[in-house]
PDB file of N, CA and C in Angstrom:
ATOM      1  N   MET A   1      -7.997   2.887 -43.109  1.00  0.00           N
ATOM      2  CA  MET A   1      -7.375   3.268 -41.853  1.00  0.00           C
ATOM      3  C   MET A   1      -8.442   3.468 -40.808  1.00  0.00           C
ATOM      4  N   ILE A   2      -8.094   2.958 -39.639  1.00  0.00           N
ATOM      5  CA  ILE A   2      -9.079   3.122 -38.474  1.00  0.00           C
ATOM      6  C   ILE A   2      -8.779   4.325 -37.650  1.00  0.00           C
ATOM      7  N   HIS A   3      -9.720   5.061 -37.330  1.00  0.00           N
ATOM      8  CA  HIS A   3      -9.618   6.175 -36.476  1.00  0.00           C
ATOM      9  C   HIS A   3     -10.399   5.945 -35.199  1.00  0.00           C
ATOM     10  N   PHE A   4      -9.703   6.137 -34.026  1.00  0.00           N
ATOM     11  CA  PHE A   4     -10.390   5.922 -32.768  1.00  0.00           C
ATOM     12  C   PHE A   4     -10.905   7.289 -32.303  1.00  0.00           C
ATOM     13  N   THR A   5     -12.096   7.317 -31.740  1.00  0.00           N
ATOM     14  CA  THR A   5     -12.631   8.559 -31.213  1.00  0.00           C
ATOM     15  C   THR A   5     -12.664   8.363 -29.666  1.00  0.00           C
ATOM     16  N   TYR A   6     -12.360   9.411 -28.964  1.00  0.00           N
ATOM     17  CA  TYR A   6     -12.318   9.399 -27.575  1.00  0.00           C
ATOM     18  C   TYR A   6     -13.324  10.327 -27.052  1.00  0.00           C
ATOM     19  N   PRO A   7     -14.008  10.105 -25.910  1.00  0.00           N
ATOM     20  CA  PRO A   7     -14.950  11.083 -25.307  1.00  0.00           C
ATOM     21  C   PRO A   7     -14.117  12.392 -24.942  1.00  0.00           C
ATOM     22  N   ALA A   8     -14.779  13.579 -25.053  1.00  0.00           N
ATOM     23  CA  ALA A   8     -14.169  14.762 -24.669  1.00  0.00           C
ATOM     24  C   ALA A   8     -13.799  14.873 -23.234  1.00  0.00           C
ATOM     25  N   GLN A   9     -14.414  14.253 -22.358  1.00  0.00           N
ATOM     26  CA  GLN A   9     -14.184  14.408 -20.906  1.00  0.00           C
ATOM     27  C   GLN A   9     -13.616  13.069 -20.306  1.00  0.00           C
ATOM     28  N   GLY A  10     -12.929  12.291 -21.095  1.00  0.00           N
ATOM     29  CA  GLY A  10     -12.458  10.970 -20.670  1.00  0.00           C
ATOM     30  C   GLY A  10     -10.919  11.063 -20.382  1.00  0.00           C
ATOM     31  N   TRP A  11     -10.403  10.013 -19.878  1.00  0.00           N
ATOM     32  CA  TRP A  11      -8.993   9.873 -19.606  1.00  0.00           C
ATOM     33  C   TRP A  11      -8.436   8.877 -20.587  1.00  0.00           C
ATOM     34  N   SER A  12      -7.408   9.190 -21.269  1.00  0.00           N
ATOM     35  CA  SER A  12      -6.736   8.426 -22.161  1.00  0.00           C
ATOM     36  C   SER A  12      -5.216   8.398 -21.889  1.00  0.00           C
ATOM     37  N   THR A  13      -4.644   7.163 -21.886  1.00  0.00           N
ATOM     38  CA  THR A  13      -3.227   7.082 -21.680  1.00  0.00           C
ATOM     39  C   THR A  13      -2.432   7.095 -22.951  1.00  0.00           C
ATOM     40  N   ALA A  14      -3.172   7.145 -24.074  1.00  0.00           N
ATOM     41  CA  ALA A  14      -2.457   7.103 -25.379  1.00  0.00           C
ATOM     42  C   ALA A  14      -2.054   8.480 -25.715  1.00  0.00           C
ATOM     43  N   SER A  15      -0.886   8.658 -26.304  1.00  0.00           N
ATOM     44  CA  SER A  15      -0.355   9.981 -26.631  1.00  0.00           C
ATOM     45  C   SER A  15      -0.722  10.340 -28.094  1.00  0.00           C
ATOM     46  N   ASN A  16      -1.312   9.414 -28.829  1.00  0.00           N
ATOM     47  CA  ASN A  16      -1.774   9.694 -30.156  1.00  0.00           C
ATOM     48  C   ASN A  16      -0.688  10.272 -31.033  1.00  0.00           C
ATOM     49  N   GLY A  17       0.543   9.760 -30.968  1.00  0.00           N
ATOM     50  CA  GLY A  17       1.622  10.176 -31.784  1.00  0.00           C
ATOM     51  C   GLY A  17       2.336  11.418 -31.271  1.00  0.00           C
ATOM     52  N   LEU A  18       1.938  12.074 -30.170  1.00  0.00           N
ATOM     53  CA  LEU A  18       2.546  13.139 -29.641  1.00  0.00           C
ATOM     54  C   LEU A  18       3.514  12.737 -28.516  1.00  0.00           C
ATOM     55  N   VAL A  19       4.328  13.642 -28.081  1.00  0.00           N
ATOM     56  CA  VAL A  19       5.232  13.350 -27.041  1.00  0.00           C
ATOM     57  C   VAL A  19       4.452  13.178 -25.660  1.00  0.00           C
ATOM     58  N   ALA A  20       4.645  12.075 -25.031  1.00  0.00           N
ATOM     59  CA  ALA A  20       3.910  11.821 -23.744  1.00  0.00           C
ATOM     60  C   ALA A  20       4.732  12.542 -22.655  1.00  0.00           C
ATOM     61  N   ASP A  21       4.292  13.694 -22.177  1.00  0.00           N
ATOM     62  CA  ASP A  21       4.926  14.451 -21.129  1.00  0.00           C
ATOM     63  C   ASP A  21       3.970  14.875 -20.144  1.00  0.00           C
ATOM     64  N   THR A  22       4.383  15.156 -18.917  1.00  0.00           N
ATOM     65  CA  THR A  22       3.562  15.584 -17.861  1.00  0.00           C
ATOM     66  C   THR A  22       3.652  17.105 -17.725  1.00  0.00           C
ATOM     67  N   SER A  23       2.544  17.747 -17.297  1.00  0.00           N
ATOM     68  CA  SER A  23       2.458  19.115 -17.088  1.00  0.00           C
ATOM     69  C   SER A  23       2.979  19.470 -15.699  1.00  0.00           C
ATOM     70  N   PRO A  24       3.410  20.691 -15.407  1.00  0.00           N
ATOM     71  CA  PRO A  24       3.802  21.035 -14.020  1.00  0.00           C
ATOM     72  C   PRO A  24       2.687  20.961 -13.082  1.00  0.00           C
ATOM     73  N   GLY A  25       1.424  21.126 -13.489  1.00  0.00           N
ATOM     74  CA  GLY A  25       0.277  21.011 -12.580  1.00  0.00           C
ATOM     75  C   GLY A  25       0.109  19.536 -12.214  1.00  0.00           C
ATOM     76  N   GLU A  26       0.293  18.669 -13.167  1.00  0.00           N
ATOM     77  CA  GLU A  26       0.164  17.221 -12.771  1.00  0.00           C
ATOM     78  C   GLU A  26       1.269  16.713 -11.823  1.00  0.00           C
ATOM     79  N   LEU A  27       2.426  17.255 -12.044  1.00  0.00           N
ATOM     80  CA  LEU A  27       3.532  16.920 -11.143  1.00  0.00           C
ATOM     81  C   LEU A  27       3.353  17.484  -9.680  1.00  0.00           C
ATOM     82  N   GLU A  28       2.759  18.733  -9.656  1.00  0.00           N
ATOM     83  CA  GLU A  28       2.477  19.310  -8.366  1.00  0.00           C
ATOM     84  C   GLU A  28       1.426  18.477  -7.626  1.00  0.00           C
ATOM     85  N   ALA A  29       0.362  18.065  -8.379  1.00  0.00           N
ATOM     86  CA  ALA A  29      -0.765  17.285  -7.778  1.00  0.00           C
ATOM     87  C   ALA A  29      -0.226  15.923  -7.311  1.00  0.00           C
ATOM     88  N   LEU A  30       0.682  15.325  -8.067  1.00  0.00           N
ATOM     89  CA  LEU A  30       1.263  14.011  -7.685  1.00  0.00           C
ATOM     90  C   LEU A  30       2.112  14.208  -6.465  1.00  0.00           C
ATOM     91  N   GLY A  31       2.867  15.323  -6.406  1.00  0.00           N
ATOM     92  CA  GLY A  31       3.748  15.523  -5.199  1.00  0.00           C
ATOM     93  C   GLY A  31       2.916  15.747  -3.952  1.00  0.00           C
ATOM     94  N   GLN A  32       1.821  16.462  -4.043  1.00  0.00           N
ATOM     95  CA  GLN A  32       0.867  16.681  -2.920  1.00  0.00           C
ATOM     96  C   GLN A  32       0.282  15.391  -2.478  1.00  0.00           C
ATOM     97  N   HIS A  33      -0.123  14.555  -3.450  1.00  0.00           N
ATOM     98  CA  HIS A  33      -0.761  13.217  -3.142  1.00  0.00           C
ATOM     99  C   HIS A  33       0.271  12.363  -2.372  1.00  0.00           C
ATOM    100  N   LEU A  34       1.500  12.295  -2.833  1.00  0.00           N
ATOM    101  CA  LEU A  34       2.523  11.477  -2.258  1.00  0.00           C
ATOM    102  C   LEU A  34       2.800  11.924  -0.858  1.00  0.00           C
ATOM    103  N   ASP A  35       2.931  13.263  -0.654  1.00  0.00           N
ATOM    104  CA  ASP A  35       3.202  13.804   0.614  1.00  0.00           C
ATOM    105  C   ASP A  35       2.088  13.470   1.608  1.00  0.00           C
ATOM    106  N   SER A  36       0.763  13.548   1.177  1.00  0.00           N
ATOM    107  CA  SER A  36      -0.315  13.170   2.029  1.00  0.00           C
ATOM    108  C   SER A  36      -0.375  11.758   2.352  1.00  0.00           C
ATOM    109  N   CYS A  37       0.030  10.887   1.443  1.00  0.00           N
ATOM    110  CA  CYS A  37       0.054   9.454   1.661  1.00  0.00           C
ATOM    111  C   CYS A  37       1.162   9.079   2.648  1.00  0.00           C
ATOM    112  N   GLN A  38       2.256   9.701   2.527  1.00  0.00           N
ATOM    113  CA  GLN A  38       3.413   9.442   3.406  1.00  0.00           C
ATOM    114  C   GLN A  38       3.040   9.893   4.868  1.00  0.00           C
ATOM    115  N   ASN A  39       2.353  10.965   4.993  1.00  0.00           N
ATOM    116  CA  ASN A  39       2.008  11.556   6.257  1.00  0.00           C
ATOM    117  C   ASN A  39       0.930  10.642   7.008  1.00  0.00           C
ATOM    118  N   LYS A  40       0.049  10.140   6.177  1.00  0.00           N
ATOM    119  CA  LYS A  40      -1.022   9.255   6.770  1.00  0.00           C
ATOM    120  C   LYS A  40      -0.509   7.930   7.223  1.00  0.00           C
ATOM    121  N   HIS A  41       0.474   7.454   6.500  1.00  0.00           N
ATOM    122  CA  HIS A  41       0.987   6.079   6.740  1.00  0.00           C
ATOM    123  C   HIS A  41       2.389   6.025   7.226  1.00  0.00           C
ATOM    124  N   ARG A  42       2.887   7.087   7.906  1.00  0.00           N
ATOM    125  CA  ARG A  42       4.292   7.110   8.252  1.00  0.00           C
ATOM    126  C   ARG A  42       4.701   6.005   9.271  1.00  0.00           C
ATOM    127  N   HIS A  43       3.760   5.603  10.125  1.00  0.00           N
ATOM    128  CA  HIS A  43       4.093   4.518  11.105  1.00  0.00           C
ATOM    129  C   HIS A  43       4.260   3.253  10.351  1.00  0.00           C
ATOM    130  N   LEU A  44       3.394   2.945   9.389  1.00  0.00           N
ATOM    131  CA  LEU A  44       3.451   1.797   8.602  1.00  0.00           C
ATOM    132  C   LEU A  44       4.656   1.798   7.701  1.00  0.00           C
ATOM    133  N   LEU A  45       5.019   2.941   7.217  1.00  0.00           N
ATOM    134  CA  LEU A  45       6.199   3.148   6.348  1.00  0.00           C
ATOM    135  C   LEU A  45       7.416   2.817   7.216  1.00  0.00           C
ATOM    136  N   SER A  46       7.569   3.305   8.399  1.00  0.00           N
ATOM    137  CA  SER A  46       8.687   3.101   9.293  1.00  0.00           C
ATOM    138  C   SER A  46       8.791   1.558   9.670  1.00  0.00           C
ATOM    139  N   LEU A  47       7.624   0.934   9.880  1.00  0.00           N
ATOM    140  CA  LEU A  47       7.677  -0.516  10.143  1.00  0.00           C
ATOM    141  C   LEU A  47       8.164  -1.298   8.922  1.00  0.00           C
ATOM    142  N   HIS A  48       7.754  -0.844   7.762  1.00  0.00           N
ATOM    143  CA  HIS A  48       8.121  -1.440   6.476  1.00  0.00           C
ATOM    144  C   HIS A  48       9.659  -1.336   6.291  1.00  0.00           C
ATOM    145  N   CYS A  49      10.199  -0.152   6.596  1.00  0.00           N
ATOM    146  CA  CYS A  49      11.608   0.088   6.442  1.00  0.00           C
ATOM    147  C   CYS A  49      12.413  -0.838   7.365  1.00  0.00           C
ATOM    148  N   ALA A  50      11.891  -0.954   8.718  1.00  0.00           N
ATOM    149  CA  ALA A  50      12.592  -1.745   9.608  1.00  0.00           C
ATOM    150  C   ALA A  50      12.563  -3.209   9.201  1.00  0.00           C
ATOM    151  N   ALA A  51      11.466  -3.615   8.628  1.00  0.00           N
ATOM    152  CA  ALA A  51      11.329  -5.075   8.130  1.00  0.00           C
ATOM    153  C   ALA A  51      12.331  -5.277   7.002  1.00  0.00           C
ATOM    154  N   GLN A  52      12.513  -4.283   6.129  1.00  0.00           N
ATOM    155  CA  GLN A  52      13.412  -4.400   4.994  1.00  0.00           C
ATOM    156  C   GLN A  52      14.872  -4.527   5.465  1.00  0.00           C
ATOM    157  N   LYS A  53      15.254  -3.703   6.473  1.00  0.00           N
ATOM    158  CA  LYS A  53      16.550  -3.695   7.060  1.00  0.00           C
ATOM    159  C   LYS A  53      16.791  -5.049   7.745  1.00  0.00           C
ATOM    160  N   LEU A  54      15.879  -5.551   8.462  1.00  0.00           N
ATOM    161  CA  LEU A  54      15.999  -6.821   9.073  1.00  0.00           C
ATOM    162  C   LEU A  54      16.155  -7.961   8.082  1.00  0.00           C
ATOM    163  N   ARG A  55      15.321  -7.909   7.005  1.00  0.00           N
ATOM    164  CA  ARG A  55      15.533  -8.892   5.921  1.00  0.00           C
ATOM    165  C   ARG A  55      16.820  -8.860   5.262  1.00  0.00           C
ATOM    166  N   SER A  56      17.287  -7.651   5.011  1.00  0.00           N
ATOM    167  CA  SER A  56      18.654  -7.563   4.310  1.00  0.00           C
ATOM    168  C   SER A  56      19.707  -7.962   5.214  1.00  0.00           C
ATOM    169  N   PHE A  57      19.626  -7.712   6.541  1.00  0.00           N
ATOM    170  CA  PHE A  57      20.618  -8.230   7.480  1.00  0.00           C
ATOM    171  C   PHE A  57      20.617  -9.717   7.513  1.00  0.00           C
ATOM    172  N   MET A  58      19.476 -10.318   7.621  1.00  0.00           N
ATOM    173  CA  MET A  58      19.404 -11.761   7.666  1.00  0.00           C
ATOM    174  C   MET A  58      19.789 -12.460   6.335  1.00  0.00           C
ATOM    175  N   ALA A  59      19.414 -11.816   5.153  1.00  0.00           N
ATOM    176  CA  ALA A  59      19.828 -12.434   3.891  1.00  0.00           C
ATOM    177  C   ALA A  59      21.363 -12.390   3.702  1.00  0.00           C
ATOM    178  N   ALA A  60      21.955 -11.348   4.198  1.00  0.00           N
ATOM    179  CA  ALA A  60      23.468 -11.265   4.092  1.00  0.00           C
ATOM    180  C   ALA A  60      24.141 -12.317   5.030  1.00  0.00           C
ATOM    181  N   ARG A  61      23.494 -12.753   5.963  1.00  0.00           N
ATOM    182  CA  ARG A  61      24.017 -13.659   6.935  1.00  0.00           C
ATOM    183  C   ARG A  61      23.084 -14.876   7.058  1.00  0.00           C
ATOM    184  N   PHE A  62      22.725 -15.403   5.965  1.00  0.00           N
ATOM    185  CA  PHE A  62      21.697 -16.526   5.883  1.00  0.00           C
ATOM    186  C   PHE A  62      22.140 -17.786   6.620  1.00  0.00           C
ATOM    187  N   VAL A  63      23.361 -18.244   6.335  1.00  0.00           N
ATOM    188  CA  VAL A  63      23.823 -19.478   6.872  1.00  0.00           C
ATOM    189  C   VAL A  63      24.019 -19.316   8.464  1.00  0.00           C
ATOM    190  N   THR A  64      24.552 -18.157   8.854  1.00  0.00           N
ATOM    191  CA  THR A  64      24.687 -17.892  10.250  1.00  0.00           C
ATOM    192  C   THR A  64      23.355 -17.772  10.944  1.00  0.00           C
ATOM    193  N   THR A  65      22.431 -17.173  10.303  1.00  0.00           N
ATOM    194  CA  THR A  65      21.108 -17.093  10.863  1.00  0.00           C
ATOM    195  C   THR A  65      20.445 -18.441  11.056  1.00  0.00           C
ATOM    196  N   VAL A  66      20.585 -19.295  10.046  1.00  0.00           N
ATOM    197  CA  VAL A  66      19.988 -20.563  10.136  1.00  0.00           C
ATOM    198  C   VAL A  66      20.646 -21.462  11.233  1.00  0.00           C
ATOM    199  N   VAL A  67      21.995 -21.328  11.372  1.00  0.00           N
ATOM    200  CA  VAL A  67      22.692 -22.121  12.437  1.00  0.00           C
ATOM    201  C   VAL A  67      22.301 -21.534  13.786  1.00  0.00           C
ATOM    202  N   VAL A  68      22.216 -20.268  14.008  1.00  0.00           N
ATOM    203  CA  VAL A  68      21.722 -19.705  15.253  1.00  0.00           C
ATOM    204  C   VAL A  68      20.293 -20.156  15.585  1.00  0.00           C
ATOM    205  N   ALA A  69      19.453 -20.124  14.576  1.00  0.00           N
ATOM    206  CA  ALA A  69      18.029 -20.582  14.828  1.00  0.00           C
ATOM    207  C   ALA A  69      18.008 -22.037  15.176  1.00  0.00           C
ATOM    208  N   VAL A  70      18.765 -22.910  14.519  1.00  0.00           N
ATOM    209  CA  VAL A  70      18.801 -24.358  14.880  1.00  0.00           C
ATOM    210  C   VAL A  70      19.315 -24.542  16.255  1.00  0.00           C
ATOM    211  N   VAL A  71      20.383 -23.892  16.628  1.00  0.00           N
ATOM    212  CA  VAL A  71      20.931 -23.930  17.977  1.00  0.00           C
ATOM    213  C   VAL A  71      19.885 -23.544  19.030  1.00  0.00           C
ATOM    214  N   PHE A  72      19.288 -22.449  18.715  1.00  0.00           N
ATOM    215  CA  PHE A  72      18.287 -21.879  19.704  1.00  0.00           C
ATOM    216  C   PHE A  72      17.141 -22.820  19.818  1.00  0.00           C
ATOM    217  N   LEU A  73      16.647 -23.313  18.752  1.00  0.00           N
ATOM    218  CA  LEU A  73      15.503 -24.309  18.827  1.00  0.00           C
ATOM    219  C   LEU A  73      15.947 -25.614  19.536  1.00  0.00           C
ATOM    220  N   GLY A  74      17.173 -26.071  19.213  1.00  0.00           N
ATOM    221  CA  GLY A  74      17.757 -27.238  19.842  1.00  0.00           C
ATOM    222  C   GLY A  74      17.865 -27.150  21.346  1.00  0.00           C
ATOM    223  N   MET A  75      18.311 -25.952  21.786  1.00  0.00           N
ATOM    224  CA  MET A  75      18.459 -25.725  23.205  1.00  0.00           C
ATOM    225  C   MET A  75      17.114 -25.617  23.893  1.00  0.00           C
ATOM    226  N   ASN A  76      16.117 -25.056  23.214  1.00  0.00           N
ATOM    227  CA  ASN A  76      14.783 -25.049  23.839  1.00  0.00           C
ATOM    228  C   ASN A  76      14.215 -26.426  24.014  1.00  0.00           C
ATOM    229  N   ILE A  77      14.348 -27.262  22.944  1.00  0.00           N
ATOM    230  CA  ILE A  77      13.869 -28.534  23.054  1.00  0.00           C
ATOM    231  C   ILE A  77      14.622 -29.370  24.082  1.00  0.00           C
ATOM    232  N   TRP A  78      15.916 -29.236  24.176  1.00  0.00           N
ATOM    233  CA  TRP A  78      16.754 -29.969  25.125  1.00  0.00           C
ATOM    234  C   TRP A  78      16.466 -29.618  26.549  1.00  0.00           C
ATOM    235  N   LEU A  79      16.284 -28.285  26.777  1.00  0.00           N
ATOM    236  CA  LEU A  79      16.075 -27.741  28.151  1.00  0.00           C
ATOM    237  C   LEU A  79      14.652 -27.942  28.606  1.00  0.00           C
ATOM    238  N   PHE A  80      13.627 -27.879  27.722  1.00  0.00           N
ATOM    239  CA  PHE A  80      12.242 -27.912  28.167  1.00  0.00           C
ATOM    240  C   PHE A  80      11.702 -29.121  27.730  1.00  0.00           C
TER     241      PHE A  80
END
């Protein structure tokens, strides 16, 4: 039988046969980290949300979007 040894101060993702669960301290630290990330990048997050909304709007109306784009390009080429 093979036994693995881990350093005393290392990080291991293996549960070694035990229930893999998070401690309340780990969840609190994760929550603080996520809050700080969201506060630092809120402008980028709002831009990302707007892009997702635009993409979902256009995906739901793909054929109409393509037709409008072709008509718009055609009018630009014809007029200019």
